[in-house]
């Protein structure tokens, strides 16, 4: 992909043009972007499990994005990835990033987040993507 890309998560909302994948992609294409990072956790954009399980759905999503002149650069997994391992001091705070059914249950939240990351890897493969939006390893960064 050549050209500027944008992460859609920060713009998704409940009102048009920010409330559906097609309308937000049209909006971003009109602003001059050429690529989009899709938030894997936002159902207004994609159904992550369905992306992992259905190549037809992946083709549909890719077709929607490409019909606006954009390309998918990667799936963003910021929220799910950080929930794979949460320090107990932050359990309550981080529950807000997980679905209600795993709140107040760190083991269930970790299991959910791990499954989300596995779905993301499979979905990326199905979409023909070779990159996952990385989560930095702050421990190694602090040693530099």
Protein backbone atom coordinates (compact mmCIF):
# COMPACT_ATOMS: atom_id res chain seq x y z
CA UNK A 1 0.00 0.00 0.00
CA UNK A 2 1.28 3.43 -0.88
CA UNK A 3 -0.11 6.52 0.77
CA UNK A 4 -1.52 7.57 4.12
CA UNK A 5 -3.50 5.19 6.26
CA UNK A 6 -5.74 5.77 9.25
CA UNK A 7 -6.98 3.73 12.19
CA UNK A 8 -10.78 3.81 12.10
CA UNK A 9 -11.31 3.06 15.81
CA UNK A 10 -10.79 6.64 16.87
CA UNK A 11 -13.54 7.85 14.56
CA UNK A 12 -16.22 5.16 14.81
CA UNK A 13 -19.48 6.44 16.25
CA UNK A 14 -23.20 5.95 16.22
CA UNK A 15 -23.98 8.65 13.65
CA UNK A 16 -23.29 8.68 9.91
CA UNK A 17 -20.81 8.65 8.32
CA UNK A 18 -19.00 7.06 11.26
CA UNK A 19 -21.42 4.24 12.02
CA UNK A 20 -20.68 1.71 9.29
CA UNK A 21 -17.66 0.36 7.51
CA UNK A 22 -18.79 1.51 4.07
CA UNK A 23 -19.73 5.05 5.06
CA UNK A 24 -16.61 5.70 7.13
CA UNK A 25 -14.41 4.31 4.35
CA UNK A 26 -16.06 6.63 1.82
CA UNK A 27 -15.49 9.54 4.21
CA UNK A 28 -11.81 8.66 4.73
CA UNK A 29 -11.23 8.13 1.00
CA UNK A 30 -12.65 11.59 0.35
CA UNK A 31 -10.10 12.96 2.84
CA UNK A 32 -7.29 11.41 0.79
CA UNK A 33 -6.46 8.29 2.75
CA UNK A 34 -5.52 5.14 0.85
CA UNK A 35 -5.52 2.58 3.65
CA UNK A 36 -7.44 1.74 6.79
CA UNK A 37 -6.67 -0.20 9.92
CA UNK A 38 -9.84 -1.94 11.04
CA UNK A 39 -10.58 -2.16 14.76
CA UNK A 40 -11.08 -5.87 15.34
CA UNK A 41 -13.19 -5.18 18.44
CA UNK A 42 -15.78 -2.85 16.89
CA UNK A 43 -18.81 -4.64 15.49
CA UNK A 44 -19.76 -1.58 13.47
CA UNK A 45 -16.75 -2.35 11.30
CA UNK A 46 -16.36 -6.11 11.34
CA UNK A 47 -17.37 -9.29 13.09
CA UNK A 48 -13.99 -10.69 14.10
CA UNK A 49 -15.10 -14.27 14.68
CA UNK A 50 -16.86 -14.30 11.31
CA UNK A 51 -13.69 -12.94 9.64
CA UNK A 52 -11.77 -15.83 11.19
CA UNK A 53 -14.29 -18.44 10.10
CA UNK A 54 -15.58 -17.26 6.71
CA UNK A 55 -13.53 -16.42 3.65
CA UNK A 56 -16.76 -15.29 1.96
CA UNK A 57 -17.30 -12.72 4.71
CA UNK A 58 -13.66 -11.63 4.34
CA UNK A 59 -14.21 -11.15 0.63
CA UNK A 60 -17.33 -9.10 1.40
CA UNK A 61 -15.45 -6.86 3.86
CA UNK A 62 -12.51 -6.44 1.47
CA UNK A 63 -14.95 -5.64 -1.33
CA UNK A 64 -16.69 -3.01 0.78
CA UNK A 65 -13.40 -1.31 1.64
CA UNK A 66 -11.95 -1.58 -1.87
CA UNK A 67 -15.14 -0.23 -3.45
CA UNK A 68 -14.31 3.08 -1.77
CA UNK A 69 -10.78 3.12 -3.19
CA UNK A 70 -9.14 2.08 0.07
CA UNK A 71 -7.17 -0.98 1.16
CA UNK A 72 -7.10 -2.76 4.51
CA UNK A 73 -3.63 -2.42 5.99
CA UNK A 74 -4.19 -4.47 9.17
CA UNK A 75 -6.57 -5.38 11.94
CA UNK A 76 -6.12 -3.41 15.16
CA UNK A 77 -6.13 -5.51 18.32
CA UNK A 78 -5.10 -2.93 20.90
CA UNK A 79 -7.90 -3.69 23.31
CA UNK A 80 -7.92 -7.46 23.07
CA UNK A 81 -4.14 -7.76 23.13
CA UNK A 82 -3.67 -5.82 26.33
CA UNK A 83 -6.29 -8.00 28.04
CA UNK A 84 -4.30 -11.19 27.51
CA UNK A 85 -2.22 -10.38 30.61
CA UNK A 86 -3.54 -7.78 33.05
CA UNK A 87 -1.85 -7.07 36.37
CA UNK A 88 -4.35 -7.67 39.18
CA UNK A 89 -4.04 -4.04 40.28
CA UNK A 90 -5.76 -3.04 37.03
CA UNK A 91 -8.48 -5.71 36.87
CA UNK A 92 -11.42 -3.37 37.46
CA UNK A 93 -10.10 -0.70 35.11
CA UNK A 94 -9.42 -3.13 32.27
CA UNK A 95 -12.77 -4.88 32.60
CA UNK A 96 -14.23 -1.91 30.72
CA UNK A 97 -12.43 -3.07 27.57
CA UNK A 98 -13.94 -6.55 27.74
CA UNK A 99 -17.51 -7.72 27.13
CA UNK A 100 -19.78 -7.64 30.21
CA UNK A 101 -19.99 -11.43 30.42
CA UNK A 102 -16.31 -11.64 31.49
CA UNK A 103 -16.27 -8.68 33.90
CA UNK A 104 -15.05 -9.46 37.42
CA UNK A 105 -13.54 -12.72 36.16
CA UNK A 106 -9.87 -12.27 35.23
CA UNK A 107 -9.45 -15.88 34.04
CA UNK A 108 -12.47 -15.63 31.73
CA UNK A 109 -11.30 -12.24 30.46
CA UNK A 110 -7.86 -13.65 29.65
CA UNK A 111 -9.42 -16.62 27.89
CA UNK A 112 -11.68 -14.30 25.86
CA UNK A 113 -8.76 -12.01 24.93
CA UNK A 114 -6.55 -14.92 23.92
CA UNK A 115 -9.31 -16.28 21.69
CA UNK A 116 -9.73 -12.82 20.17
CA UNK A 117 -6.04 -12.76 19.26
CA UNK A 118 -6.30 -16.22 17.70
CA UNK A 119 -9.32 -15.06 15.70
CA UNK A 120 -7.34 -12.02 14.59
CA UNK A 121 -4.47 -14.14 13.31
CA UNK A 122 -6.85 -16.34 11.32
CA UNK A 123 -8.87 -13.35 10.08
CA UNK A 124 -5.69 -11.62 8.93
CA UNK A 125 -4.72 -14.71 6.98
CA UNK A 126 -8.20 -14.91 5.43
CA UNK A 127 -8.00 -11.24 4.43
CA UNK A 128 -4.57 -11.73 2.85
CA UNK A 129 -2.89 -9.48 5.41
CA UNK A 130 0.66 -10.11 6.54
CA UNK A 131 0.70 -7.66 9.46
CA UNK A 132 -1.09 -7.43 12.79
CA UNK A 133 -1.14 -4.03 14.41
CA UNK A 134 1.56 -4.54 17.03
CA UNK A 135 1.35 -4.02 20.72
CA UNK A 136 4.67 -2.69 22.01
CA UNK A 137 6.53 -4.61 24.69
CA UNK A 138 6.97 -1.83 27.24
CA UNK A 139 9.28 -3.95 29.40
CA UNK A 140 11.92 -4.20 26.67
CA UNK A 141 11.46 -0.53 25.71
CA UNK A 142 12.13 0.59 29.30
CA UNK A 143 15.46 -1.27 29.35
CA UNK A 144 16.87 0.72 26.45
